[in-house]
Amino acid sequence: MLEHIRGLVTAIIAPLARLLLRLGVSPDAVTLVGTVATCSAALWFVPRGDLIIGALVVTLFALFDLLDGTMARMSRRVSPFGAFLDSTLDRIADAVVFGSVILYFAGPGDLVVGMWLGLLCLITGMSTSYARARAESLGFTGRVGLMERADRLAVLGVFGIAAELSHRPEVLAWGLGLLGALSAVTVTQRILAVRTQAAAVTTTLPTEGA
């Protein structure tokens, strides 16, 4: 959903990417720092109920996911390991973010249904990412569907800010319910897309004895 603004964001952060490269900072280092900062901010702010600052800080450091890729392309240091590291650390950061939301509902949010919906989003978010990764490892296209990683973080952030402003934790729970449902739809879309691609490959394979 937010994929169409990726080019705009990349253009904005390009000067910072060039500066970091001139300073000798590697893309992998940016990936690592961004992940540690995202996890630290999520675990520090969100479980305490500081949803607004938590959302803003996590969103800021989530931009490192674009920054490291921009630096890699500029320096022509795109590598299989860099892609692997980026994808792996993204999954860790996503798990920590949604885990922090579950801790919030177990603490100041005090809403059991919010905990369950947070767990739903954690599962569907991981499944969405895995479906794409597994599809691409098999040579198929898995980047389809409603909710990319940036979309999930954006929806979570908007509802988190709204929840704190309204002093109603259930607003965040509603957002998690919406996010979980859309993520489940995305997983289904990716499964169906790969099924179609796999069927097309199967039908074009030569028959035995041909």
Protein backbone atom coordinates (compact mmCIF):
# COMPACT_ATOMS: atom_id res chain seq x y z
CA MET A 1 0.00 0.00 0.00
CA LEU A 2 2.81 2.40 0.88
CA GLU A 3 5.18 0.96 -1.70
CA HIS A 4 4.48 3.80 -4.14
CA ILE A 5 6.14 6.36 -1.83
CA ARG A 6 9.32 4.30 -1.42
CA GLY A 7 11.00 6.26 -4.22
CA LEU A 8 10.17 9.58 -2.57
CA VAL A 9 11.50 8.48 0.82
CA THR A 10 14.65 7.09 -0.82
CA ALA A 11 15.26 10.44 -2.54
CA ILE A 12 14.90 12.24 0.80
CA ILE A 13 17.38 10.01 2.63
CA ALA A 14 19.88 9.84 -0.24
CA PRO A 15 22.02 12.77 1.09
CA LEU A 16 22.31 11.02 4.47
CA ALA A 17 23.27 7.78 2.72
CA ARG A 18 26.06 9.58 0.82
CA LEU A 19 27.32 11.22 4.04
CA LEU A 20 27.49 7.93 5.90
CA LEU A 21 29.33 6.28 3.03
CA ARG A 22 31.89 9.11 2.99
CA LEU A 23 32.38 8.56 6.72
CA GLY A 24 33.14 4.91 6.06
CA VAL A 25 29.94 3.49 7.57
CA SER A 26 28.89 0.20 5.99
CA PRO A 27 25.30 -0.70 5.01
CA ASP A 28 25.43 -3.75 7.28
CA ALA A 29 26.36 -1.54 10.24
CA VAL A 30 23.34 0.66 9.55
CA THR A 31 21.14 -2.45 9.39
CA LEU A 32 22.40 -3.61 12.77
CA VAL A 33 22.13 -0.21 14.45
CA GLY A 34 18.62 0.32 13.10
CA THR A 35 17.47 -3.04 14.43
CA VAL A 36 18.97 -2.53 17.89
CA ALA A 37 17.50 0.98 18.09
CA THR A 38 14.05 -0.16 16.93
CA CYS A 39 13.95 -3.01 19.43
CA SER A 40 15.24 -0.83 22.27
CA ALA A 41 12.71 1.94 21.59
CA ALA A 42 9.82 -0.51 21.33
CA LEU A 43 10.69 -2.31 24.55
CA TRP A 44 11.38 0.90 26.47
CA PHE A 45 8.42 3.08 25.47
CA VAL A 46 5.49 0.86 24.43
CA PRO A 47 5.12 -1.41 27.51
CA ARG A 48 5.08 1.72 29.69
CA GLY A 49 2.19 3.20 27.71
CA ASP A 50 4.23 5.87 25.91
CA LEU A 51 2.61 4.94 22.61
CA ILE A 52 3.08 8.24 20.78
CA ILE A 53 6.81 8.60 21.32
CA GLY A 54 7.18 4.85 20.84
CA ALA A 55 5.44 4.99 17.46
CA LEU A 56 7.46 8.00 16.32
CA VAL A 57 10.82 6.61 17.38
CA VAL A 58 10.14 3.15 15.93
CA THR A 59 9.02 4.74 12.65
CA LEU A 60 12.16 6.87 12.55
CA PHE A 61 14.47 3.91 13.03
CA ALA A 62 12.40 1.80 10.64
CA LEU A 63 13.64 4.17 7.94
CA PHE A 64 17.04 2.53 8.41
CA ASP A 65 15.51 -0.34 6.45
CA LEU A 66 15.54 1.96 3.42
CA LEU A 67 18.77 3.72 4.34
CA ASP A 68 20.93 0.59 4.33
CA GLY A 69 19.54 -0.51 0.98
CA THR A 70 20.15 2.93 -0.52
CA MET A 71 23.73 2.90 0.77
CA ALA A 72 24.33 -0.58 -0.64
CA ARG A 73 23.13 0.44 -4.09
CA MET A 74 25.13 3.68 -4.06
CA SER A 75 28.33 1.91 -3.04
CA ARG A 76 27.63 -1.09 -5.27
CA ARG A 77 27.98 -3.29 -2.22
CA VAL A 78 24.73 -5.17 -2.70
CA SER A 79 25.40 -8.74 -1.60
CA PRO A 80 23.46 -11.93 -0.82
CA PHE A 81 24.67 -11.75 2.78
CA GLY A 82 23.51 -8.14 3.12
CA ALA A 83 20.05 -9.10 1.86
CA PHE A 84 19.98 -12.07 4.22
CA LEU A 85 21.06 -9.97 7.20
CA ASP A 86 18.53 -7.25 6.44
CA SER A 87 15.64 -9.71 6.11
CA THR A 88 16.59 -11.64 9.24
CA LEU A 89 16.96 -8.55 11.43
CA ASP A 90 13.69 -7.13 10.09
CA ARG A 91 11.91 -10.23 11.37
CA ILE A 92 13.52 -9.81 14.79
CA ALA A 93 12.51 -6.14 14.93
CA ASP A 94 8.92 -6.91 13.88
CA ALA A 95 8.63 -9.61 16.55
CA VAL A 96 9.93 -7.26 19.23
CA VAL A 97 7.59 -4.45 18.18
CA PHE A 98 4.47 -6.60 18.36
CA GLY A 99 5.79 -8.29 21.48
CA SER A 100 6.07 -4.87 23.11
CA VAL A 101 2.42 -4.21 22.23
CA ILE A 102 1.42 -7.47 23.93
CA LEU A 103 3.39 -6.36 27.01
CA TYR A 104 1.52 -3.04 26.92
CA PHE A 105 -1.84 -4.79 27.06
CA ALA A 106 -0.54 -7.03 29.84
CA GLY A 107 0.43 -3.88 31.77
CA PRO A 108 -1.02 -0.37 31.56
CA GLY A 109 -3.31 -1.23 28.64
CA ASP A 110 -4.91 -3.95 30.78
CA LEU A 111 -6.88 -5.60 27.96
CA VAL A 112 -6.79 -9.33 27.41
CA VAL A 113 -8.31 -9.12 23.93
CA GLY A 114 -5.54 -6.70 23.00
CA MET A 115 -2.96 -9.32 23.98
CA TRP A 116 -4.62 -11.93 21.79
CA LEU A 117 -4.91 -9.55 18.85
CA GLY A 118 -1.27 -8.57 19.28
CA LEU A 119 -0.36 -12.25 19.08
CA LEU A 120 -2.52 -12.58 15.96
CA CYS A 121 -0.63 -9.72 14.31
CA LEU A 122 2.70 -11.24 15.31
CA ILE A 123 1.75 -14.57 13.70
CA THR A 124 0.22 -13.14 10.53
CA GLY A 125 3.04 -10.62 10.12
CA MET A 126 5.69 -13.34 10.34
CA SER A 127 3.67 -15.55 7.99
CA THR A 128 3.40 -12.73 5.47
CA SER A 129 7.16 -12.21 5.42
CA TYR A 130 7.92 -15.93 5.35
CA ALA A 131 5.52 -16.52 2.46
CA ARG A 132 7.37 -13.97 0.35
CA ALA A 133 10.83 -15.24 1.32
CA ARG A 134 9.93 -18.86 0.68
CA ALA A 135 8.29 -18.00 -2.64
CA GLU A 136 11.36 -16.12 -3.83
CA SER A 137 13.65 -18.95 -2.71
CA LEU A 138 11.70 -21.22 -5.06
CA GLY A 139 11.95 -18.77 -7.95
CA PHE A 140 8.44 -17.34 -7.67
CA THR A 141 7.20 -13.80 -7.04
CA GLY A 142 5.83 -13.35 -3.55
CA ARG A 143 5.68 -9.58 -3.26
CA VAL A 144 1.92 -9.22 -3.62
CA GLY A 145 -0.92 -8.39 -1.27
CA LEU A 146 -2.31 -5.58 0.83
CA MET A 147 0.11 -5.32 3.73
CA GLU A 148 3.85 -4.92 3.29
CA ARG A 149 6.10 -4.40 6.32
CA ALA A 150 5.90 -0.61 6.07
CA ASP A 151 2.10 -0.80 5.93
CA ARG A 152 1.96 -2.91 9.09
CA LEU A 153 4.15 -0.48 11.02
CA ALA A 154 2.19 2.51 9.72
CA VAL A 155 -1.19 1.07 10.76
CA LEU A 156 0.21 0.09 14.17
CA GLY A 157 1.68 3.55 14.68
CA VAL A 158 -1.49 5.43 13.70
CA PHE A 159 -3.72 3.41 16.03
CA GLY A 160 -1.13 3.57 18.81
CA ILE A 161 -1.03 7.36 18.63
CA ALA A 162 -4.84 7.53 18.50
CA ALA A 163 -5.09 5.25 21.54
CA GLU A 164 -2.86 7.43 23.68
CA LEU A 165 -4.48 10.68 22.54
CA SER A 166 -7.95 9.33 23.37
CA HIS A 167 -6.77 7.53 26.53
CA ARG A 168 -8.55 4.43 25.24
CA PRO A 169 -6.36 1.32 24.87
CA GLU A 170 -9.17 -0.43 23.02
CA VAL A 171 -8.51 1.87 20.05
CA LEU A 172 -5.16 0.17 19.60
CA ALA A 173 -6.88 -3.21 19.96
CA TRP A 174 -9.25 -2.25 17.14
CA GLY A 175 -6.26 -1.38 15.00
CA LEU A 176 -4.65 -4.72 15.78
CA GLY A 177 -7.86 -6.49 14.77
CA LEU A 178 -7.87 -4.65 11.45
CA LEU A 179 -4.16 -5.25 10.94
CA GLY A 180 -4.45 -8.94 11.76
CA ALA A 181 -7.31 -9.39 9.32
CA LEU A 182 -5.54 -7.55 6.49
CA SER A 183 -2.32 -9.45 7.13
CA ALA A 184 -4.22 -12.74 6.98
CA VAL A 185 -5.66 -11.65 3.64
CA THR A 186 -2.14 -10.84 2.45
CA VAL A 187 -0.88 -14.30 3.41
CA THR A 188 -3.78 -15.82 1.47
CA GLN A 189 -3.05 -13.60 -1.54
CA ARG A 190 0.58 -14.71 -1.56
CA ILE A 191 -0.31 -18.38 -1.24
CA LEU A 192 -2.74 -18.11 -4.14
CA ALA A 193 -0.24 -16.14 -6.23
CA VAL A 194 2.45 -18.79 -5.75
CA ARG A 195 -0.07 -21.54 -6.42
CA THR A 196 -0.90 -19.91 -9.76
CA GLN A 197 2.76 -19.51 -10.67
CA ALA A 198 3.57 -23.07 -9.66
CA ALA A 199 0.65 -24.40 -11.71
CA ALA A 200 1.88 -22.48 -14.74
CA VAL A 201 5.35 -23.97 -14.39
CA THR A 202 3.91 -27.47 -14.01
CA THR A 203 1.81 -27.17 -17.16
CA THR A 204 4.80 -26.09 -19.24
CA LEU A 205 7.06 -28.97 -18.16
CA PRO A 206 7.69 -31.52 -20.94
CA THR A 207 5.79 -34.79 -20.53
CA GLU A 208 7.70 -38.04 -20.12
CA GLY A 209 8.74 -39.53 -23.45
CA ALA A 210 8.12 -36.34 -25.41
